[in-house]
Amino acid sequence: LARGAPTSRHLAKWMVDLHHRHRQLIEWSNTLRLPAIVWLPGLFNPIALLTAVVQTMARKYRWPLDSVGLHSEVTKKNEDD
């Protein structure tokens, strides 16, 4: 029997997270557009998404791929933060 990695997350919290990921994928498939704000933990492979974004921009603007970078800023979740 295979075992997963040890975690302190309870099953209920994991199910909530799974529900958020599922809802996000459904929304994306309905619009077929990447939203302006992306919930990275909700993705199955965030590095693959970021790589695809860089490659898409390089192709769109005909930039050399090795000269394209990605810059991000962490923002507050709430106005009170």
PDB file of N, CA and C in Angstrom:
ATOM      1  N   LEU A   1       0.845  -1.186   0.000  1.00  0.00           N
ATOM      2  CA  LEU A   1       0.000   0.000   0.000  1.00  0.00           C
ATOM      3  C   LEU A   1       0.887   1.244   0.000  1.00  0.00           C
ATOM      4  N   ALA A   2       0.706   2.120  -0.969  1.00  0.00           N
ATOM      5  CA  ALA A   2       1.508   3.342  -1.066  1.00  0.00           C
ATOM      6  C   ALA A   2       1.050   4.364  -0.041  1.00  0.00           C
ATOM      7  N   ARG A   3       1.998   5.166   0.423  1.00  0.00           N
ATOM      8  CA  ARG A   3       1.685   6.197   1.404  1.00  0.00           C
ATOM      9  C   ARG A   3       2.121   7.544   0.869  1.00  0.00           C
ATOM     10  N   GLY A   4       1.381   8.570   1.248  1.00  0.00           N
ATOM     11  CA  GLY A   4       1.723   9.927   0.832  1.00  0.00           C
ATOM     12  C   GLY A   4       2.729  10.537   1.786  1.00  0.00           C
ATOM     13  N   ALA A   5       3.143  11.736   1.446  1.00  0.00           N
ATOM     14  CA  ALA A   5       4.083  12.466   2.301  1.00  0.00           C
ATOM     15  C   ALA A   5       3.401  12.851   3.613  1.00  0.00           C
ATOM     16  N   PRO A   6       4.143  12.861   4.715  1.00  0.00           N
ATOM     17  CA  PRO A   6       3.555  13.252   5.997  1.00  0.00           C
ATOM     18  C   PRO A   6       3.039  14.689   5.935  1.00  0.00           C
ATOM     19  N   THR A   7       1.923  14.945   6.559  1.00  0.00           N
ATOM     20  CA  THR A   7       1.343  16.274   6.554  1.00  0.00           C
ATOM     21  C   THR A   7       0.610  16.534   7.859  1.00  0.00           C
ATOM     22  N   SER A   8       0.517  17.798   8.217  1.00  0.00           N
ATOM     23  CA  SER A   8      -0.262  18.160   9.406  1.00  0.00           C
ATOM     24  C   SER A   8      -1.645  18.669   9.011  1.00  0.00           C
ATOM     25  N   ARG A   9      -1.922  18.716   7.710  1.00  0.00           N
ATOM     26  CA  ARG A   9      -3.214  19.203   7.219  1.00  0.00           C
ATOM     27  C   ARG A   9      -4.273  18.120   7.420  1.00  0.00           C
ATOM     28  N   HIS A  10      -5.383  18.497   7.995  1.00  0.00           N
ATOM     29  CA  HIS A  10      -6.478  17.551   8.194  1.00  0.00           C
ATOM     30  C   HIS A  10      -7.228  17.340   6.874  1.00  0.00           C
ATOM     31  N   LEU A  11      -7.927  16.240   6.778  1.00  0.00           N
ATOM     32  CA  LEU A  11      -8.644  15.898   5.553  1.00  0.00           C
ATOM     33  C   LEU A  11      -9.657  16.972   5.176  1.00  0.00           C
ATOM     34  N   ALA A  12     -10.339  17.553   6.143  1.00  0.00           N
ATOM     35  CA  ALA A  12     -11.344  18.579   5.846  1.00  0.00           C
ATOM     36  C   ALA A  12     -10.702  19.781   5.150  1.00  0.00           C
ATOM     37  N   LYS A  13      -9.536  20.229   5.618  1.00  0.00           N
ATOM     38  CA  LYS A  13      -8.856  21.358   4.980  1.00  0.00           C
ATOM     39  C   LYS A  13      -8.363  20.976   3.590  1.00  0.00           C
ATOM     40  N   TRP A  14      -7.918  19.750   3.430  1.00  0.00           N
ATOM     41  CA  TRP A  14      -7.473  19.278   2.125  1.00  0.00           C
ATOM     42  C   TRP A  14      -8.641  19.268   1.140  1.00  0.00           C
ATOM     43  N   MET A  15      -9.826  18.855   1.601  1.00  0.00           N
ATOM     44  CA  MET A  15     -11.009  18.820   0.740  1.00  0.00           C
ATOM     45  C   MET A  15     -11.425  20.232   0.326  1.00  0.00           C
ATOM     46  N   VAL A  16     -11.326  21.196   1.234  1.00  0.00           N
ATOM     47  CA  VAL A  16     -11.638  22.590   0.892  1.00  0.00           C
ATOM     48  C   VAL A  16     -10.680  23.074  -0.188  1.00  0.00           C
ATOM     49  N   ASP A  17      -9.388  22.784  -0.020  1.00  0.00           N
ATOM     50  CA  ASP A  17      -8.383  23.165  -1.004  1.00  0.00           C
ATOM     51  C   ASP A  17      -8.675  22.512  -2.357  1.00  0.00           C
ATOM     52  N   LEU A  18      -9.031  21.239  -2.350  1.00  0.00           N
ATOM     53  CA  LEU A  18      -9.368  20.525  -3.581  1.00  0.00           C
ATOM     54  C   LEU A  18     -10.581  21.167  -4.257  1.00  0.00           C
ATOM     55  N   HIS A  19     -11.570  21.545  -3.467  1.00  0.00           N
ATOM     56  CA  HIS A  19     -12.762  22.202  -4.014  1.00  0.00           C
ATOM     57  C   HIS A  19     -12.388  23.531  -4.684  1.00  0.00           C
ATOM     58  N   HIS A  20     -11.508  24.312  -4.064  1.00  0.00           N
ATOM     59  CA  HIS A  20     -11.064  25.588  -4.652  1.00  0.00           C
ATOM     60  C   HIS A  20     -10.355  25.348  -5.984  1.00  0.00           C
ATOM     61  N   ARG A  21      -9.473  24.348  -6.022  1.00  0.00           N
ATOM     62  CA  ARG A  21      -8.763  24.040  -7.276  1.00  0.00           C
ATOM     63  C   ARG A  21      -9.741  23.634  -8.366  1.00  0.00           C
ATOM     64  N   HIS A  22     -10.716  22.808  -8.003  1.00  0.00           N
ATOM     65  CA  HIS A  22     -11.705  22.343  -8.977  1.00  0.00           C
ATOM     66  C   HIS A  22     -12.530  23.513  -9.506  1.00  0.00           C
ATOM     67  N   ARG A  23     -12.983  24.387  -8.605  1.00  0.00           N
ATOM     68  CA  ARG A  23     -13.776  25.546  -9.009  1.00  0.00           C
ATOM     69  C   ARG A  23     -12.968  26.451  -9.951  1.00  0.00           C
ATOM     70  N   GLN A  24     -11.686  26.656  -9.654  1.00  0.00           N
ATOM     71  CA  GLN A  24     -10.844  27.496 -10.495  1.00  0.00           C
ATOM     72  C   GLN A  24     -10.674  26.887 -11.885  1.00  0.00           C
ATOM     73  N   LEU A  25     -10.461  25.598 -11.960  1.00  0.00           N
ATOM     74  CA  LEU A  25     -10.319  24.945 -13.261  1.00  0.00           C
ATOM     75  C   LEU A  25     -11.603  25.030 -14.077  1.00  0.00           C
ATOM     76  N   ILE A  26     -12.748  24.891 -13.425  1.00  0.00           N
ATOM     77  CA  ILE A  26     -14.038  25.009 -14.114  1.00  0.00           C
ATOM     78  C   ILE A  26     -14.207  26.426 -14.664  1.00  0.00           C
ATOM     79  N   GLU A  27     -13.891  27.442 -13.850  1.00  0.00           N
ATOM     80  CA  GLU A  27     -14.003  28.832 -14.305  1.00  0.00           C
ATOM     81  C   GLU A  27     -13.090  29.082 -15.503  1.00  0.00           C
ATOM     82  N   TRP A  28     -11.874  28.580 -15.461  1.00  0.00           N
ATOM     83  CA  TRP A  28     -10.942  28.761 -16.580  1.00  0.00           C
ATOM     84  C   TRP A  28     -11.466  28.081 -17.841  1.00  0.00           C
ATOM     85  N   SER A  29     -12.010  26.886 -17.685  1.00  0.00           N
ATOM     86  CA  SER A  29     -12.487  26.169 -18.870  1.00  0.00           C
ATOM     87  C   SER A  29     -13.722  26.830 -19.464  1.00  0.00           C
ATOM     88  N   ASN A  30     -14.509  27.528 -18.660  1.00  0.00           N
ATOM     89  CA  ASN A  30     -15.683  28.230 -19.182  1.00  0.00           C
ATOM     90  C   ASN A  30     -15.301  29.476 -19.972  1.00  0.00           C
ATOM     91  N   THR A  31     -14.260  30.182 -19.545  1.00  0.00           N
ATOM     92  CA  THR A  31     -13.879  31.430 -20.211  1.00  0.00           C
ATOM     93  C   THR A  31     -12.736  31.241 -21.203  1.00  0.00           C
ATOM     94  N   LEU A  32     -11.946  30.214 -21.022  1.00  0.00           N
ATOM     95  CA  LEU A  32     -10.765  29.945 -21.849  1.00  0.00           C
ATOM     96  C   LEU A  32      -9.784  31.108 -21.839  1.00  0.00           C
ATOM     97  N   ARG A  33      -9.765  31.857 -20.737  1.00  0.00           N
ATOM     98  CA  ARG A  33      -8.815  32.959 -20.566  1.00  0.00           C
ATOM     99  C   ARG A  33      -8.175  32.835 -19.193  1.00  0.00           C
ATOM    100  N   LEU A  34      -6.899  33.135 -19.126  1.00  0.00           N
ATOM    101  CA  LEU A  34      -6.199  33.138 -17.852  1.00  0.00           C
ATOM    102  C   LEU A  34      -6.605  34.393 -17.091  1.00  0.00           C
ATOM    103  N   PRO A  35      -7.021  34.264 -15.835  1.00  0.00           N
ATOM    104  CA  PRO A  35      -7.434  35.449 -15.084  1.00  0.00           C
ATOM    105  C   PRO A  35      -6.254  36.373 -14.788  1.00  0.00           C
ATOM    106  N   ALA A  36      -6.562  37.636 -14.460  1.00  0.00           N
ATOM    107  CA  ALA A  36      -5.516  38.614 -14.146  1.00  0.00           C
ATOM    108  C   ALA A  36      -4.784  38.229 -12.870  1.00  0.00           C
ATOM    109  N   ILE A  37      -5.484  37.594 -11.956  1.00  0.00           N
ATOM    110  CA  ILE A  37      -4.897  37.155 -10.690  1.00  0.00           C
ATOM    111  C   ILE A  37      -4.997  35.635 -10.630  1.00  0.00           C
ATOM    112  N   VAL A  38      -3.893  35.004 -10.313  1.00  0.00           N
ATOM    113  CA  VAL A  38      -3.857  33.540 -10.284  1.00  0.00           C
ATOM    114  C   VAL A  38      -3.558  33.067  -8.877  1.00  0.00           C
ATOM    115  N   TRP A  39      -4.339  32.125  -8.409  1.00  0.00           N
ATOM    116  CA  TRP A  39      -4.140  31.514  -7.100  1.00  0.00           C
ATOM    117  C   TRP A  39      -3.168  30.351  -7.294  1.00  0.00           C
ATOM    118  N   LEU A  40      -1.857  30.604  -7.160  1.00  0.00           N
ATOM    119  CA  LEU A  40      -0.841  29.601  -7.485  1.00  0.00           C
ATOM    120  C   LEU A  40      -0.970  28.302  -6.706  1.00  0.00           C
ATOM    121  N   PRO A  41      -1.260  28.311  -5.408  1.00  0.00           N
ATOM    122  CA  PRO A  41      -1.390  27.024  -4.727  1.00  0.00           C
ATOM    123  C   PRO A  41      -2.524  26.173  -5.276  1.00  0.00           C
ATOM    124  N   GLY A  42      -3.462  26.817  -5.966  1.00  0.00           N
ATOM    125  CA  GLY A  42      -4.580  26.069  -6.530  1.00  0.00           C
ATOM    126  C   GLY A  42      -4.233  25.314  -7.788  1.00  0.00           C
ATOM    127  N   LEU A  43      -3.082  25.548  -8.326  1.00  0.00           N
ATOM    128  CA  LEU A  43      -2.679  24.857  -9.540  1.00  0.00           C
ATOM    129  C   LEU A  43      -1.949  23.571  -9.189  1.00  0.00           C
ATOM    130  N   PHE A  44      -2.006  22.628 -10.098  1.00  0.00           N
ATOM    131  CA  PHE A  44      -1.329  21.364  -9.848  1.00  0.00           C
ATOM    132  C   PHE A  44       0.173  21.490 -10.056  1.00  0.00           C
ATOM    133  N   ASN A  45       0.590  22.334 -10.981  1.00  0.00           N
ATOM    134  CA  ASN A  45       2.009  22.507 -11.263  1.00  0.00           C
ATOM    135  C   ASN A  45       2.269  23.980 -11.587  1.00  0.00           C
ATOM    136  N   PRO A  46       2.457  24.815 -10.564  1.00  0.00           N
ATOM    137  CA  PRO A  46       2.617  26.253 -10.798  1.00  0.00           C
ATOM    138  C   PRO A  46       3.804  26.609 -11.690  1.00  0.00           C
ATOM    139  N   ILE A  47       4.886  25.852 -11.620  1.00  0.00           N
ATOM    140  CA  ILE A  47       6.056  26.151 -12.446  1.00  0.00           C
ATOM    141  C   ILE A  47       5.721  25.977 -13.926  1.00  0.00           C
ATOM    142  N   ALA A  48       4.912  24.985 -14.234  1.00  0.00           N
ATOM    143  CA  ALA A  48       4.507  24.768 -15.630  1.00  0.00           C
ATOM    144  C   ALA A  48       3.672  25.941 -16.135  1.00  0.00           C
ATOM    145  N   LEU A  49       2.788  26.475 -15.300  1.00  0.00           N
ATOM    146  CA  LEU A  49       1.984  27.627 -15.710  1.00  0.00           C
ATOM    147  C   LEU A  49       2.876  28.834 -15.975  1.00  0.00           C
ATOM    148  N   LEU A  50       3.797  29.113 -15.076  1.00  0.00           N
ATOM    149  CA  LEU A  50       4.673  30.275 -15.249  1.00  0.00           C
ATOM    150  C   LEU A  50       5.559  30.128 -16.484  1.00  0.00           C
ATOM    151  N   THR A  51       6.034  28.928 -16.744  1.00  0.00           N
ATOM    152  CA  THR A  51       6.826  28.672 -17.948  1.00  0.00           C
ATOM    153  C   THR A  51       5.987  28.912 -19.195  1.00  0.00           C
ATOM    154  N   ALA A  52       4.748  28.457 -19.185  1.00  0.00           N
ATOM    155  CA  ALA A  52       3.855  28.650 -20.333  1.00  0.00           C
ATOM    156  C   ALA A  52       3.566  30.129 -20.563  1.00  0.00           C
ATOM    157  N   VAL A  53       3.407  30.895 -19.488  1.00  0.00           N
ATOM    158  CA  VAL A  53       3.162  32.334 -19.624  1.00  0.00           C
ATOM    159  C   VAL A  53       4.354  33.006 -20.299  1.00  0.00           C
ATOM    160  N   VAL A  54       5.559  32.679 -19.853  1.00  0.00           N
ATOM    161  CA  VAL A  54       6.773  33.269 -20.444  1.00  0.00           C
ATOM    162  C   VAL A  54       6.878  32.874 -21.922  1.00  0.00           C
ATOM    163  N   GLN A  55       6.648  31.610 -22.229  1.00  0.00           N
ATOM    164  CA  GLN A  55       6.755  31.152 -23.615  1.00  0.00           C
ATOM    165  C   GLN A  55       5.703  31.808 -24.507  1.00  0.00           C
ATOM    166  N   THR A  56       4.494  31.964 -23.990  1.00  0.00           N
ATOM    167  CA  THR A  56       3.421  32.588 -24.760  1.00  0.00           C
ATOM    168  C   THR A  56       3.744  34.039 -25.089  1.00  0.00           C
ATOM    169  N   MET A  57       4.255  34.779 -24.113  1.00  0.00           N
ATOM    170  CA  MET A  57       4.610  36.181 -24.359  1.00  0.00           C
ATOM    171  C   MET A  57       5.775  36.286 -25.350  1.00  0.00           C
ATOM    172  N   ALA A  58       6.747  35.399 -25.224  1.00  0.00           N
ATOM    173  CA  ALA A  58       7.886  35.428 -26.147  1.00  0.00           C
ATOM    174  C   ALA A  58       7.426  35.160 -27.580  1.00  0.00           C
ATOM    175  N   ARG A  59       6.534  34.220 -27.746  1.00  0.00           N
ATOM    176  CA  ARG A  59       6.030  33.936 -29.096  1.00  0.00           C
ATOM    177  C   ARG A  59       5.190  35.089 -29.631  1.00  0.00           C
ATOM    178  N   LYS A  60       4.322  35.632 -28.768  1.00  0.00           N
ATOM    179  CA  LYS A  60       3.421  36.703 -29.195  1.00  0.00           C
ATOM    180  C   LYS A  60       4.192  37.921 -29.698  1.00  0.00           C
ATOM    181  N   TYR A  61       5.234  38.296 -28.971  1.00  0.00           N
ATOM    182  CA  TYR A  61       5.992  39.496 -29.333  1.00  0.00           C
ATOM    183  C   TYR A  61       7.286  39.199 -30.080  1.00  0.00           C
ATOM    184  N   ARG A  62       7.511  37.925 -30.410  1.00  0.00           N
ATOM    185  CA  ARG A  62       8.702  37.495 -31.152  1.00  0.00           C
ATOM    186  C   ARG A  62       9.996  37.885 -30.444  1.00  0.00           C
ATOM    187  N   TRP A  63       9.993  37.694 -29.118  1.00  0.00           N
ATOM    188  CA  TRP A  63      11.175  37.955 -28.304  1.00  0.00           C
ATOM    189  C   TRP A  63      11.988  36.665 -28.188  1.00  0.00           C
ATOM    190  N   PRO A  64      13.300  36.752 -28.086  1.00  0.00           N
ATOM    191  CA  PRO A  64      14.093  35.547 -27.806  1.00  0.00           C
ATOM    192  C   PRO A  64      13.710  34.998 -26.422  1.00  0.00           C
ATOM    193  N   LEU A  65      13.422  33.738 -26.352  1.00  0.00           N
ATOM    194  CA  LEU A  65      12.946  33.145 -25.106  1.00  0.00           C
ATOM    195  C   LEU A  65      13.948  33.319 -23.966  1.00  0.00           C
ATOM    196  N   ASP A  66      15.221  33.217 -24.260  1.00  0.00           N
ATOM    197  CA  ASP A  66      16.215  33.330 -23.188  1.00  0.00           C
ATOM    198  C   ASP A  66      16.391  34.760 -22.679  1.00  0.00           C
ATOM    199  N   SER A  67      15.752  35.742 -23.326  1.00  0.00           N
ATOM    200  CA  SER A  67      15.829  37.114 -22.834  1.00  0.00           C
ATOM    201  C   SER A  67      14.567  37.533 -22.070  1.00  0.00           C
ATOM    202  N   VAL A  68      13.597  36.631 -21.966  1.00  0.00           N
ATOM    203  CA  VAL A  68      12.333  36.947 -21.290  1.00  0.00           C
ATOM    204  C   VAL A  68      12.420  36.492 -19.838  1.00  0.00           C
ATOM    205  N   GLY A  69      11.993  37.368 -18.946  1.00  0.00           N
ATOM    206  CA  GLY A  69      11.967  37.030 -17.523  1.00  0.00           C
ATOM    207  C   GLY A  69      10.569  37.220 -16.966  1.00  0.00           C
ATOM    208  N   LEU A  70      10.409  36.834 -15.748  1.00  0.00           N
ATOM    209  CA  LEU A  70       9.121  36.948 -15.083  1.00  0.00           C
ATOM    210  C   LEU A  70       9.323  37.687 -13.779  1.00  0.00           C
ATOM    211  N   HIS A  71       8.511  38.696 -13.532  1.00  0.00           N
ATOM    212  CA  HIS A  71       8.583  39.475 -12.301  1.00  0.00           C
ATOM    213  C   HIS A  71       7.227  39.410 -11.629  1.00  0.00           C
ATOM    214  N   SER A  72       7.212  39.170 -10.344  1.00  0.00           N
ATOM    215  CA  SER A  72       5.944  39.148  -9.611  1.00  0.00           C
ATOM    216  C   SER A  72       6.115  39.873  -8.288  1.00  0.00           C
ATOM    217  N   GLU A  73       5.024  40.362  -7.777  1.00  0.00           N
ATOM    218  CA  GLU A  73       5.006  41.031  -6.484  1.00  0.00           C
ATOM    219  C   GLU A  73       3.943  40.369  -5.619  1.00  0.00           C
ATOM    220  N   VAL A  74       4.297  40.111  -4.393  1.00  0.00           N
ATOM    221  CA  VAL A  74       3.341  39.534  -3.447  1.00  0.00           C
ATOM    222  C   VAL A  74       2.491  40.669  -2.909  1.00  0.00           C
ATOM    223  N   THR A  75       1.191  40.507  -3.000  1.00  0.00           N
ATOM    224  CA  THR A  75       0.278  41.538  -2.526  1.00  0.00           C
ATOM    225  C   THR A  75      -0.465  41.057  -1.291  1.00  0.00           C
ATOM    226  N   LYS A  76      -1.125  41.970  -0.633  1.00  0.00           N
ATOM    227  CA  LYS A  76      -1.897  41.635   0.560  1.00  0.00           C
ATOM    228  C   LYS A  76      -3.183  40.903   0.151  1.00  0.00           C
ATOM    229  N   LYS A  77      -3.612  39.989   1.007  1.00  0.00           N
ATOM    230  CA  LYS A  77      -4.863  39.275   0.740  1.00  0.00           C
ATOM    231  C   LYS A  77      -6.068  40.153   1.058  1.00  0.00           C
ATOM    232  N   ASN A  78      -5.967  40.914   2.123  1.00  0.00           N
ATOM    233  CA  ASN A  78      -7.069  41.762   2.568  1.00  0.00           C
ATOM    234  C   ASN A  78      -6.594  43.194   2.706  1.00  0.00           C
ATOM    235  N   GLU A  79      -7.510  44.124   2.664  1.00  0.00           N
ATOM    236  CA  GLU A  79      -7.143  45.514   2.862  1.00  0.00           C
ATOM    237  C   GLU A  79      -6.612  45.753   4.259  1.00  0.00           C
ATOM    238  N   ASP A  80      -7.032  44.936   5.226  1.00  0.00           N
ATOM    239  CA  ASP A  80      -6.608  45.104   6.609  1.00  0.00           C
ATOM    240  C   ASP A  80      -5.179  44.643   6.858  1.00  0.00           C
ATOM    241  N   ASP A  81      -4.615  43.827   5.968  1.00  0.00           N
ATOM    242  CA  ASP A  81      -3.266  43.290   6.151  1.00  0.00           C
ATOM    243  C   ASP A  81      -2.202  44.348   6.015  1.00  0.00           C
TER     244      ASP A  81
END
